[in-house]
Every structure is written in structure tokens, then in C-alpha cells.
Amino acid sequence: MRDAVGLLLQEAAERYILPRFRNLRDSDITNKTSATDYVTIADREAETWITPRLRQIVDCPVIGEEATATDPSLLAHAGDRQVWTVDPLDGTANFVKGNDRFCVMVSLVASGVAQQSWIWLPLKEVLFYASAGDGAHRVVGGVAQSVRAQATSTSFDALVGGGNVLGLRDPHRSEVQARLRALPGRRFTGSSGVQGCLMVSGEDDYMLHTKCTPWDHAPVDLMCREAGCHVAMLDGEGRFNAAQCGPLLIAANRQVWNHISQTVWRGGDVQAPVSEGAA
């Protein structure tokens, strides 16, 4: 199944996404919930093409980002015994602006927990794949190599990562946003899938997302957990479930998770050094 779904994502990108990269017309771009929440013809056509082909592999409901925007009732399937999630173009705003931080993501979920996940980076021609209990892998030219997350530094002041405050309300929204922006190594990736790949490759230390969706976070959750990251919901520290909407924190290890949780989410301060060990 790894190869079958991986080839689907690759073909979808070649057919519908890459021909539009830096080649979009104004009429190819519209908005959903806000002026910066873009959707393009590439998103829609790629998802329409991927969805029935996933059902040929495993016949179960499909929760696609664009289909859900039209029919929110699809979210009711997030906790089903089996369901696919599809993000046909994660990082659409980046895609619209012509930068390369975008990907295609799919996961196969059982009772809200991802069992397999795929993240295809079309411009790099790299597939990241994870299967529950079997680790996370980078696949290049058909050759798979395992990947393992690790902290980029032993100092909290040198950590690299980012996040967003979607779904939060003030005053907590403004407080969390200010703390995120104050972090020394904070950067904005604009794609949960791309940042997930950076996490499992040992290039990022944390990602904090305050509003989860099945298509954005089910594949990233599994990928990062299988690579050894510490992944937990910020409210209660429970395991991510596709039927939940957040907030979620992923970190290279438990020590980094504690630090970001305390300093950004709770407004406290943690002075202990980062452990170099896995979560």
C-alpha cells in the first residue's frame, strides 16, 4: 500500500499541481473562510482525482479538505472504524505566492488514530511514509530509509520551530501569539506537512497548532510519533484523535515539549537544558 498511495500522490501532483505552480491565473484562485484562506483549481482537481482512487484501495469514507469545505458533515466520519483523510495541496498560500513549501498528504485512520500516512513533496520528489509500529521513512527513488527526530540543539534558546493560533480567542490568542513570536528560533513554514517532514528529519524542534483538522494533522501526528517525537494535545496531554480539533504540540522530545508547553501555552518558564535523547 505504501507504493500504491505514494504513486497516486505523485501522479496527482504531476497532473494537477506542478503545471499550475507559478502559473496560476487570478480566476484559478478563490478564498474560503478568510482573505488569506486560499483554494485553487489545483487543490480541487487533485482531490477530485485522488478520492475515488483511494476508495479503490480501501473502500471507506474519505475526508478531503475541499470536499469538507463544501460538506462539513464529512467530519462526522473522523472517528469511523476506517477512513481516509486527504489534503490535496497543503500550503496553498505558499503555492499561490510561488514559494516551494507545499505538499500532498493522505492518511488511513482507524477510530480516529492514523495507521498509515503519506506526505509527498512534489518539487523535491521525496515521499515521507509512516506505518503504526513500523517507524517513519523517507523514500527517494523507491528506496526507503528510516528517519528519526532529534533536537537541533541542547539549548532552549537555539530551538527552531513554529506554530499558529488558529481557533483561539482573545485574550489567550494574543498571549500565545506574542509568546510564539518571542521565541528565538521561531519561523513560519506555512504547511503542517512540510514542517512535519522537517521535524522527522531533525531540522525543526517543535510545531504548535491550536486548531487541528483530520487532513492536516492525522498524517503528521503518525509521522512524527513514529519518528520518535513527543506528540500530545495541550489540554490534558492526551493522544491526538482525528475527531478532535486541538490544540496540539509536537516536539523533538519530551523535554522540548515541556518547555514549549510551559513557556508558550501556559506562560511559565522552564530553565532545564534540552535532553539529546529521544522522547
C-alpha atoms as a PDB file:
ATOM      1  CA  MET A   1       0.000   0.000   0.000  1.00  0.00           C
ATOM      2  CA  ARG A   2       2.926   2.356   0.636  1.00  0.00           C
ATOM      3  CA  ASP A   3       3.869   2.385  -3.019  1.00  0.00           C
ATOM      4  CA  ALA A   4       0.314   2.392  -4.387  1.00  0.00           C
ATOM      5  CA  VAL A   5      -0.738   5.503  -2.464  1.00  0.00           C
ATOM      6  CA  GLY A   6       2.639   7.157  -2.957  1.00  0.00           C
ATOM      7  CA  LEU A   7       2.278   6.789  -6.730  1.00  0.00           C
ATOM      8  CA  LEU A   8      -1.240   8.236  -6.570  1.00  0.00           C
ATOM      9  CA  LEU A   9       0.043  11.359  -4.839  1.00  0.00           C
ATOM     10  CA  GLN A  10       2.902  11.672  -7.287  1.00  0.00           C
ATOM     11  CA  GLU A  11       0.586  11.377 -10.288  1.00  0.00           C
ATOM     12  CA  ALA A  12      -1.914  13.848  -8.828  1.00  0.00           C
ATOM     13  CA  ALA A  13       0.876  16.375  -8.358  1.00  0.00           C
ATOM     14  CA  GLU A  14       2.165  15.859 -11.882  1.00  0.00           C
ATOM     15  CA  ARG A  15      -1.299  16.183 -13.412  1.00  0.00           C
ATOM     16  CA  TYR A  16      -2.851  18.997 -11.420  1.00  0.00           C
ATOM     17  CA  ILE A  17      -0.378  20.765  -9.137  1.00  0.00           C
ATOM     18  CA  LEU A  18       3.012  21.197 -10.767  1.00  0.00           C
ATOM     19  CA  PRO A  19       1.634  22.547 -14.083  1.00  0.00           C
ATOM     20  CA  ARG A  20      -0.023  25.345 -12.058  1.00  0.00           C
ATOM     21  CA  PHE A  21       3.000  26.200  -9.891  1.00  0.00           C
ATOM     22  CA  ARG A  22       3.900  29.833 -10.594  1.00  0.00           C
ATOM     23  CA  ASN A  23       1.403  29.624 -13.440  1.00  0.00           C
ATOM     24  CA  LEU A  24      -1.923  30.420 -11.741  1.00  0.00           C
ATOM     25  CA  ARG A  25      -4.389  32.854 -13.230  1.00  0.00           C
ATOM     26  CA  ASP A  26      -6.493  35.094 -10.993  1.00  0.00           C
ATOM     27  CA  SER A  27      -9.542  33.033 -11.924  1.00  0.00           C
ATOM     28  CA  ASP A  28      -7.788  29.891 -10.600  1.00  0.00           C
ATOM     29  CA  ILE A  29      -7.720  31.253  -7.034  1.00  0.00           C
ATOM     30  CA  THR A  30     -10.600  31.795  -4.617  1.00  0.00           C
ATOM     31  CA  ASN A  31     -10.999  32.133  -0.854  1.00  0.00           C
ATOM     32  CA  LYS A  32     -12.813  30.094   1.775  1.00  0.00           C
ATOM     33  CA  THR A  33     -13.040  31.380   5.351  1.00  0.00           C
ATOM     34  CA  SER A  34     -10.853  34.493   5.023  1.00  0.00           C
ATOM     35  CA  ALA A  35      -8.887  36.607   2.561  1.00  0.00           C
ATOM     36  CA  THR A  36      -5.772  34.515   3.234  1.00  0.00           C
ATOM     37  CA  ASP A  37      -7.506  31.108   3.248  1.00  0.00           C
ATOM     38  CA  TYR A  38      -6.867  30.260  -0.381  1.00  0.00           C
ATOM     39  CA  VAL A  39      -8.137  27.411  -2.508  1.00  0.00           C
ATOM     40  CA  THR A  40      -7.035  26.900  -6.095  1.00  0.00           C
ATOM     41  CA  ILE A  41      -8.062  24.872  -9.084  1.00  0.00           C
ATOM     42  CA  ALA A  42      -5.087  22.640  -8.277  1.00  0.00           C
ATOM     43  CA  ASP A  43      -6.475  21.804  -4.793  1.00  0.00           C
ATOM     44  CA  ARG A  44      -9.887  20.939  -6.134  1.00  0.00           C
ATOM     45  CA  GLU A  45      -8.850  18.934  -9.171  1.00  0.00           C
ATOM     46  CA  ALA A  46      -6.165  16.971  -7.300  1.00  0.00           C
ATOM     47  CA  GLU A  47      -8.598  15.975  -4.538  1.00  0.00           C
ATOM     48  CA  THR A  48     -11.320  15.040  -7.002  1.00  0.00           C
ATOM     49  CA  TRP A  49      -8.853  12.774  -8.796  1.00  0.00           C
ATOM     50  CA  ILE A  50      -7.306  11.217  -5.646  1.00  0.00           C
ATOM     51  CA  THR A  51     -10.533  10.454  -3.750  1.00  0.00           C
ATOM     52  CA  PRO A  52     -12.088   7.664  -5.858  1.00  0.00           C
ATOM     53  CA  ARG A  53      -8.692   6.022  -6.352  1.00  0.00           C
ATOM     54  CA  LEU A  54      -8.144   5.777  -2.601  1.00  0.00           C
ATOM     55  CA  ARG A  55     -11.520   4.083  -2.299  1.00  0.00           C
ATOM     56  CA  GLN A  56     -10.364   1.508  -4.837  1.00  0.00           C
ATOM     57  CA  ILE A  57      -7.509   0.634  -2.465  1.00  0.00           C
ATOM     58  CA  VAL A  58      -9.597   0.626   0.748  1.00  0.00           C
ATOM     59  CA  ASP A  59     -13.299   1.261   0.357  1.00  0.00           C
ATOM     60  CA  CYS A  60     -14.188   3.591   3.210  1.00  0.00           C
ATOM     61  CA  PRO A  61     -15.252   7.244   3.623  1.00  0.00           C
ATOM     62  CA  VAL A  62     -12.840   9.949   2.505  1.00  0.00           C
ATOM     63  CA  ILE A  63     -12.489  13.213   4.422  1.00  0.00           C
ATOM     64  CA  GLY A  64     -10.932  15.627   1.945  1.00  0.00           C
ATOM     65  CA  GLU A  65     -10.202  19.232   2.837  1.00  0.00           C
ATOM     66  CA  GLU A  66     -12.020  20.689  -0.149  1.00  0.00           C
ATOM     67  CA  ALA A  67     -14.952  18.270  -0.023  1.00  0.00           C
ATOM     68  CA  THR A  68     -15.401  19.106   3.673  1.00  0.00           C
ATOM     69  CA  ALA A  69     -15.429  22.829   2.883  1.00  0.00           C
ATOM     70  CA  THR A  70     -18.494  22.101   0.755  1.00  0.00           C
ATOM     71  CA  ASP A  71     -19.998  19.431   3.013  1.00  0.00           C
ATOM     72  CA  PRO A  72     -18.930  19.816   6.680  1.00  0.00           C
ATOM     73  CA  SER A  73     -20.924  16.720   7.625  1.00  0.00           C
ATOM     74  CA  LEU A  74     -17.997  14.636   6.317  1.00  0.00           C
ATOM     75  CA  LEU A  75     -16.208  15.436   9.585  1.00  0.00           C
ATOM     76  CA  ALA A  76     -18.649  13.123  11.355  1.00  0.00           C
ATOM     77  CA  HIS A  77     -16.698  10.209   9.828  1.00  0.00           C
ATOM     78  CA  ALA A  78     -13.428  11.181  11.554  1.00  0.00           C
ATOM     79  CA  GLY A  79     -13.915   8.571  14.265  1.00  0.00           C
ATOM     80  CA  ASP A  80     -15.134   5.799  11.944  1.00  0.00           C
ATOM     81  CA  ARG A  81     -13.621   2.327  12.023  1.00  0.00           C
ATOM     82  CA  GLN A  82     -11.710   3.244   8.864  1.00  0.00           C
ATOM     83  CA  VAL A  83     -11.475   6.496   6.938  1.00  0.00           C
ATOM     84  CA  TRP A  84      -9.098   8.219   4.548  1.00  0.00           C
ATOM     85  CA  THR A  85      -8.002  11.835   5.020  1.00  0.00           C
ATOM     86  CA  VAL A  86      -6.776  13.908   2.080  1.00  0.00           C
ATOM     87  CA  ASP A  87      -5.054  17.264   1.913  1.00  0.00           C
ATOM     88  CA  PRO A  88      -4.517  17.665  -1.833  1.00  0.00           C
ATOM     89  CA  LEU A  89      -2.314  20.723  -1.501  1.00  0.00           C
ATOM     90  CA  ASP A  90      -1.074  21.551   1.972  1.00  0.00           C
ATOM     91  CA  GLY A  91       0.481  25.007   1.993  1.00  0.00           C
ATOM     92  CA  THR A  92      -1.876  26.537  -0.560  1.00  0.00           C
ATOM     93  CA  ALA A  93      -0.950  30.104   0.420  1.00  0.00           C
ATOM     94  CA  ASN A  94       2.701  29.268  -0.240  1.00  0.00           C
ATOM     95  CA  PHE A  95       1.730  27.713  -3.571  1.00  0.00           C
ATOM     96  CA  VAL A  96      -0.221  30.831  -4.546  1.00  0.00           C
ATOM     97  CA  LYS A  97       2.759  33.038  -3.643  1.00  0.00           C
ATOM     98  CA  GLY A  98       5.134  30.873  -5.674  1.00  0.00           C
ATOM     99  CA  ASN A  99       7.255  29.503  -2.836  1.00  0.00           C
ATOM    100  CA  ASP A 100       8.134  25.829  -2.580  1.00  0.00           C
ATOM    101  CA  ARG A 101       6.738  24.903   0.852  1.00  0.00           C
ATOM    102  CA  PHE A 102       3.802  22.737  -0.173  1.00  0.00           C
ATOM    103  CA  CYS A 103       2.985  19.025  -0.250  1.00  0.00           C
ATOM    104  CA  VAL A 104       0.255  16.431  -0.763  1.00  0.00           C
ATOM    105  CA  MET A 105      -0.909  14.429   2.286  1.00  0.00           C
ATOM    106  CA  VAL A 106      -3.004  11.331   2.867  1.00  0.00           C
ATOM    107  CA  SER A 107      -3.609   9.132   5.901  1.00  0.00           C
ATOM    108  CA  LEU A 108      -5.566   5.984   6.619  1.00  0.00           C
ATOM    109  CA  VAL A 109      -7.217   6.341  10.023  1.00  0.00           C
ATOM    110  CA  ALA A 110      -8.859   3.778  12.315  1.00  0.00           C
ATOM    111  CA  SER A 111     -11.188   5.038  15.072  1.00  0.00           C
ATOM    112  CA  GLY A 112      -9.558   8.468  14.885  1.00  0.00           C
ATOM    113  CA  VAL A 113      -5.943   7.248  15.041  1.00  0.00           C
ATOM    114  CA  ALA A 114      -3.768   7.280  11.913  1.00  0.00           C
ATOM    115  CA  GLN A 115      -2.401   3.872  10.947  1.00  0.00           C
ATOM    116  CA  GLN A 116      -0.558   4.869   7.784  1.00  0.00           C
ATOM    117  CA  SER A 117       0.422   8.262   6.423  1.00  0.00           C
ATOM    118  CA  TRP A 118       1.977   9.693   3.290  1.00  0.00           C
ATOM    119  CA  ILE A 119       3.476  13.131   2.624  1.00  0.00           C
ATOM    120  CA  TRP A 120       4.667  13.789  -0.933  1.00  0.00           C
ATOM    121  CA  LEU A 121       6.975  16.744  -1.636  1.00  0.00           C
ATOM    122  CA  PRO A 122       6.487  17.243  -5.396  1.00  0.00           C
ATOM    123  CA  LEU A 123       9.359  19.644  -6.064  1.00  0.00           C
ATOM    124  CA  LYS A 124      11.849  17.504  -4.138  1.00  0.00           C
ATOM    125  CA  GLU A 125      10.358  14.212  -5.394  1.00  0.00           C
ATOM    126  CA  VAL A 126      10.543  12.801  -1.877  1.00  0.00           C
ATOM    127  CA  LEU A 127       7.907  10.718  -0.119  1.00  0.00           C
ATOM    128  CA  PHE A 128       7.667  10.522   3.675  1.00  0.00           C
ATOM    129  CA  TYR A 129       5.775   7.435   4.837  1.00  0.00           C
ATOM    130  CA  ALA A 130       4.868   6.036   8.239  1.00  0.00           C
ATOM    131  CA  SER A 131       3.053   2.936   9.400  1.00  0.00           C
ATOM    132  CA  ALA A 132       1.951   2.390  13.001  1.00  0.00           C
ATOM    133  CA  GLY A 133       4.594   0.385  14.838  1.00  0.00           C
ATOM    134  CA  ASP A 134       6.959   0.335  11.854  1.00  0.00           C
ATOM    135  CA  GLY A 135       8.661   3.720  12.054  1.00  0.00           C
ATOM    136  CA  ALA A 136       8.856   6.673   9.703  1.00  0.00           C
ATOM    137  CA  HIS A 137      10.717   6.596   6.408  1.00  0.00           C
ATOM    138  CA  ARG A 138      11.966   8.894   3.677  1.00  0.00           C
ATOM    139  CA  VAL A 139      11.544   7.331   0.242  1.00  0.00           C
ATOM    140  CA  VAL A 140      13.668   8.635  -2.636  1.00  0.00           C
ATOM    141  CA  GLY A 141      13.683   6.882  -5.989  1.00  0.00           C
ATOM    142  CA  GLY A 142      11.852   3.930  -4.484  1.00  0.00           C
ATOM    143  CA  VAL A 143      14.490   3.428  -1.787  1.00  0.00           C
ATOM    144  CA  ALA A 144      13.251   3.840   1.812  1.00  0.00           C
ATOM    145  CA  GLN A 145      15.449   4.989   4.686  1.00  0.00           C
ATOM    146  CA  SER A 146      14.241   5.332   8.267  1.00  0.00           C
ATOM    147  CA  VAL A 147      14.180   8.809   9.794  1.00  0.00           C
ATOM    148  CA  ARG A 148      14.486   9.754  13.441  1.00  0.00           C
ATOM    149  CA  ALA A 149      13.702  13.079  15.075  1.00  0.00           C
ATOM    150  CA  GLN A 150      16.250  14.747  17.334  1.00  0.00           C
ATOM    151  CA  ALA A 151      16.648  18.144  18.948  1.00  0.00           C
ATOM    152  CA  THR A 152      18.731  20.553  16.881  1.00  0.00           C
ATOM    153  CA  SER A 153      20.409  21.985  19.974  1.00  0.00           C
ATOM    154  CA  THR A 154      20.993  21.347  23.669  1.00  0.00           C
ATOM    155  CA  SER A 155      19.926  24.949  24.412  1.00  0.00           C
ATOM    156  CA  PHE A 156      16.324  26.107  24.603  1.00  0.00           C
ATOM    157  CA  ASP A 157      17.459  29.455  23.176  1.00  0.00           C
ATOM    158  CA  ALA A 158      18.525  27.766  19.940  1.00  0.00           C
ATOM    159  CA  LEU A 159      15.401  25.700  19.257  1.00  0.00           C
ATOM    160  CA  VAL A 160      13.802  26.006  15.802  1.00  0.00           C
ATOM    161  CA  GLY A 161      10.113  25.685  15.037  1.00  0.00           C
ATOM    162  CA  GLY A 162       6.817  27.484  14.743  1.00  0.00           C
ATOM    163  CA  GLY A 163       3.092  27.352  15.101  1.00  0.00           C
ATOM    164  CA  ASN A 164      -0.194  29.155  14.761  1.00  0.00           C
ATOM    165  CA  VAL A 165      -3.063  30.401  16.910  1.00  0.00           C
ATOM    166  CA  LEU A 166      -5.991  29.483  14.670  1.00  0.00           C
ATOM    167  CA  GLY A 167      -9.173  28.854  16.596  1.00  0.00           C
ATOM    168  CA  LEU A 168      -8.101  30.607  19.800  1.00  0.00           C
ATOM    169  CA  ARG A 169      -9.977  33.543  21.245  1.00  0.00           C
ATOM    170  CA  ASP A 170      -8.588  36.612  22.942  1.00  0.00           C
ATOM    171  CA  PRO A 171      -7.045  37.216  25.365  1.00  0.00           C
ATOM    172  CA  HIS A 172      -5.419  33.746  25.139  1.00  0.00           C
ATOM    173  CA  ARG A 173      -4.926  34.100  21.378  1.00  0.00           C
ATOM    174  CA  SER A 174      -2.905  37.316  21.672  1.00  0.00           C
ATOM    175  CA  GLU A 175      -0.922  35.972  24.620  1.00  0.00           C
ATOM    176  CA  VAL A 176       0.064  32.733  22.866  1.00  0.00           C
ATOM    177  CA  GLN A 177       0.845  34.557  19.625  1.00  0.00           C
ATOM    178  CA  ALA A 178       3.117  37.009  21.425  1.00  0.00           C
ATOM    179  CA  ARG A 179       4.986  34.178  23.172  1.00  0.00           C
ATOM    180  CA  LEU A 180       5.415  32.273  19.913  1.00  0.00           C
ATOM    181  CA  ARG A 181       6.813  35.352  18.188  1.00  0.00           C
ATOM    182  CA  ALA A 182       9.221  35.904  21.066  1.00  0.00           C
ATOM    183  CA  LEU A 183      10.885  32.514  20.670  1.00  0.00           C
ATOM    184  CA  PRO A 184      14.442  32.997  19.313  1.00  0.00           C
ATOM    185  CA  GLY A 185      14.263  30.351  16.564  1.00  0.00           C
ATOM    186  CA  ARG A 186      10.653  30.805  15.557  1.00  0.00           C
ATOM    187  CA  ARG A 187       9.913  30.579  11.833  1.00  0.00           C
ATOM    188  CA  PHE A 188       6.718  30.308   9.830  1.00  0.00           C
ATOM    189  CA  THR A 189       6.580  27.328   7.467  1.00  0.00           C
ATOM    190  CA  GLY A 190       3.003  27.708   6.263  1.00  0.00           C
ATOM    191  CA  SER A 191       2.459  23.969   5.806  1.00  0.00           C
ATOM    192  CA  SER A 192       1.919  21.427   8.551  1.00  0.00           C
ATOM    193  CA  GLY A 193       3.067  18.641   6.233  1.00  0.00           C
ATOM    194  CA  VAL A 194       6.302  20.356   5.262  1.00  0.00           C
ATOM    195  CA  GLN A 195       7.008  21.182   8.890  1.00  0.00           C
ATOM    196  CA  GLY A 196       6.253  17.589   9.864  1.00  0.00           C
ATOM    197  CA  CYS A 197       8.905  16.466   7.379  1.00  0.00           C
ATOM    198  CA  LEU A 198      11.355  18.943   8.925  1.00  0.00           C
ATOM    199  CA  MET A 199      10.511  17.564  12.370  1.00  0.00           C
ATOM    200  CA  VAL A 200      11.181  13.935  11.469  1.00  0.00           C
ATOM    201  CA  SER A 201      14.365  14.920   9.614  1.00  0.00           C
ATOM    202  CA  GLY A 202      15.802  16.611  12.720  1.00  0.00           C
ATOM    203  CA  GLU A 203      15.628  20.132  11.221  1.00  0.00           C
ATOM    204  CA  ASP A 204      12.817  21.511  13.422  1.00  0.00           C
ATOM    205  CA  ASP A 205      12.270  21.074  17.162  1.00  0.00           C
ATOM    206  CA  TYR A 206       8.589  21.878  17.658  1.00  0.00           C
ATOM    207  CA  MET A 207       5.298  22.706  15.996  1.00  0.00           C
ATOM    208  CA  LEU A 208       2.306  24.057  17.897  1.00  0.00           C
ATOM    209  CA  HIS A 209      -1.087  24.154  16.174  1.00  0.00           C
ATOM    210  CA  THR A 210      -4.050  25.373  18.178  1.00  0.00           C
ATOM    211  CA  LYS A 211      -6.722  24.092  15.777  1.00  0.00           C
ATOM    212  CA  CYS A 212      -6.473  20.586  14.315  1.00  0.00           C
ATOM    213  CA  THR A 213      -8.106  19.083  11.252  1.00  0.00           C
ATOM    214  CA  PRO A 214      -8.056  15.431  10.153  1.00  0.00           C
ATOM    215  CA  TRP A 215      -6.364  16.188   6.825  1.00  0.00           C
ATOM    216  CA  ASP A 216      -3.653  18.444   8.285  1.00  0.00           C
ATOM    217  CA  HIS A 217      -2.801  16.602  11.470  1.00  0.00           C
ATOM    218  CA  ALA A 218      -3.607  12.880  11.248  1.00  0.00           C
ATOM    219  CA  PRO A 219      -0.744  12.218   8.800  1.00  0.00           C
ATOM    220  CA  VAL A 220       1.675  14.494  10.658  1.00  0.00           C
ATOM    221  CA  ASP A 221       0.774  13.031  14.053  1.00  0.00           C
ATOM    222  CA  LEU A 222       1.636   9.483  12.964  1.00  0.00           C
ATOM    223  CA  MET A 223       4.736  10.502  11.028  1.00  0.00           C
ATOM    224  CA  CYS A 224       6.172  12.378  13.983  1.00  0.00           C
ATOM    225  CA  ARG A 225       5.249   9.767  16.603  1.00  0.00           C
ATOM    226  CA  GLU A 226       6.838   7.014  14.535  1.00  0.00           C
ATOM    227  CA  ALA A 227       9.994   9.124  14.200  1.00  0.00           C
ATOM    228  CA  GLY A 228      10.266   9.418  17.994  1.00  0.00           C
ATOM    229  CA  CYS A 229       8.755  12.865  18.585  1.00  0.00           C
ATOM    230  CA  HIS A 230       6.695  13.562  21.675  1.00  0.00           C
ATOM    231  CA  VAL A 231       3.178  14.326  20.415  1.00  0.00           C
ATOM    232  CA  ALA A 232       0.280  15.258  22.704  1.00  0.00           C
ATOM    233  CA  MET A 233      -2.725  17.524  22.981  1.00  0.00           C
ATOM    234  CA  LEU A 234      -2.006  20.624  25.036  1.00  0.00           C
ATOM    235  CA  ASP A 235      -5.230  20.271  27.001  1.00  0.00           C
ATOM    236  CA  GLY A 236      -4.770  17.143  29.074  1.00  0.00           C
ATOM    237  CA  GLU A 237      -1.760  15.728  27.189  1.00  0.00           C
ATOM    238  CA  GLY A 238      -3.878  13.035  25.552  1.00  0.00           C
ATOM    239  CA  ARG A 239      -3.169  11.376  22.226  1.00  0.00           C
ATOM    240  CA  PHE A 240      -4.265  13.102  19.034  1.00  0.00           C
ATOM    241  CA  ASN A 241      -7.510  11.811  17.547  1.00  0.00           C
ATOM    242  CA  ALA A 242      -8.857  12.912  14.162  1.00  0.00           C
ATOM    243  CA  ALA A 243     -12.243  13.552  15.769  1.00  0.00           C
ATOM    244  CA  GLN A 244     -10.677  16.280  17.945  1.00  0.00           C
ATOM    245  CA  CYS A 245      -9.850  19.816  16.866  1.00  0.00           C
ATOM    246  CA  GLY A 246      -6.850  20.732  19.027  1.00  0.00           C
ATOM    247  CA  PRO A 247      -4.660  22.274  20.346  1.00  0.00           C
ATOM    248  CA  LEU A 248      -1.697  20.004  19.517  1.00  0.00           C
ATOM    249  CA  LEU A 249       2.017  20.245  20.265  1.00  0.00           C
ATOM    250  CA  ILE A 250       4.701  18.142  18.580  1.00  0.00           C
ATOM    251  CA  ALA A 251       8.288  18.305  19.805  1.00  0.00           C
ATOM    252  CA  ALA A 252      11.578  16.535  19.180  1.00  0.00           C
ATOM    253  CA  ASN A 253      11.460  15.050  22.675  1.00  0.00           C
ATOM    254  CA  ARG A 254       9.566  15.331  25.950  1.00  0.00           C
ATOM    255  CA  GLN A 255      11.895  17.993  27.358  1.00  0.00           C
ATOM    256  CA  VAL A 256      11.289  20.301  24.386  1.00  0.00           C
ATOM    257  CA  TRP A 257       7.556  19.572  24.605  1.00  0.00           C
ATOM    258  CA  ASN A 258       7.503  20.585  28.270  1.00  0.00           C
ATOM    259  CA  HIS A 259       9.439  23.761  27.560  1.00  0.00           C
ATOM    260  CA  ILE A 260       7.186  24.955  24.717  1.00  0.00           C
ATOM    261  CA  SER A 261       4.061  23.953  26.607  1.00  0.00           C
ATOM    262  CA  GLN A 262       5.086  25.917  29.677  1.00  0.00           C
ATOM    263  CA  THR A 263       6.560  28.995  28.029  1.00  0.00           C
ATOM    264  CA  VAL A 264       4.125  29.450  25.129  1.00  0.00           C
ATOM    265  CA  TRP A 265       0.852  27.797  26.128  1.00  0.00           C
ATOM    266  CA  ARG A 266       0.881  28.407  29.891  1.00  0.00           C
ATOM    267  CA  GLY A 267       3.126  31.453  30.084  1.00  0.00           C
ATOM    268  CA  GLY A 268       5.533  29.924  32.574  1.00  0.00           C
ATOM    269  CA  ASP A 269       9.284  29.480  32.386  1.00  0.00           C
ATOM    270  CA  VAL A 270      11.420  26.366  32.193  1.00  0.00           C
ATOM    271  CA  GLN A 271      15.199  26.564  32.759  1.00  0.00           C
ATOM    272  CA  ALA A 272      16.263  22.930  32.355  1.00  0.00           C
ATOM    273  CA  PRO A 273      18.504  22.126  29.369  1.00  0.00           C
ATOM    274  CA  VAL A 274      17.261  20.160  26.386  1.00  0.00           C
ATOM    275  CA  SER A 275      17.938  16.433  26.530  1.00  0.00           C
ATOM    276  CA  GLU A 276      19.552  14.977  23.429  1.00  0.00           C
ATOM    277  CA  GLY A 277      17.746  11.662  23.884  1.00  0.00           C
ATOM    278  CA  ALA A 278      14.575  10.597  22.128  1.00  0.00           C
ATOM    279  CA  ALA A 279      11.145  11.122  23.653  1.00  0.00           C
END
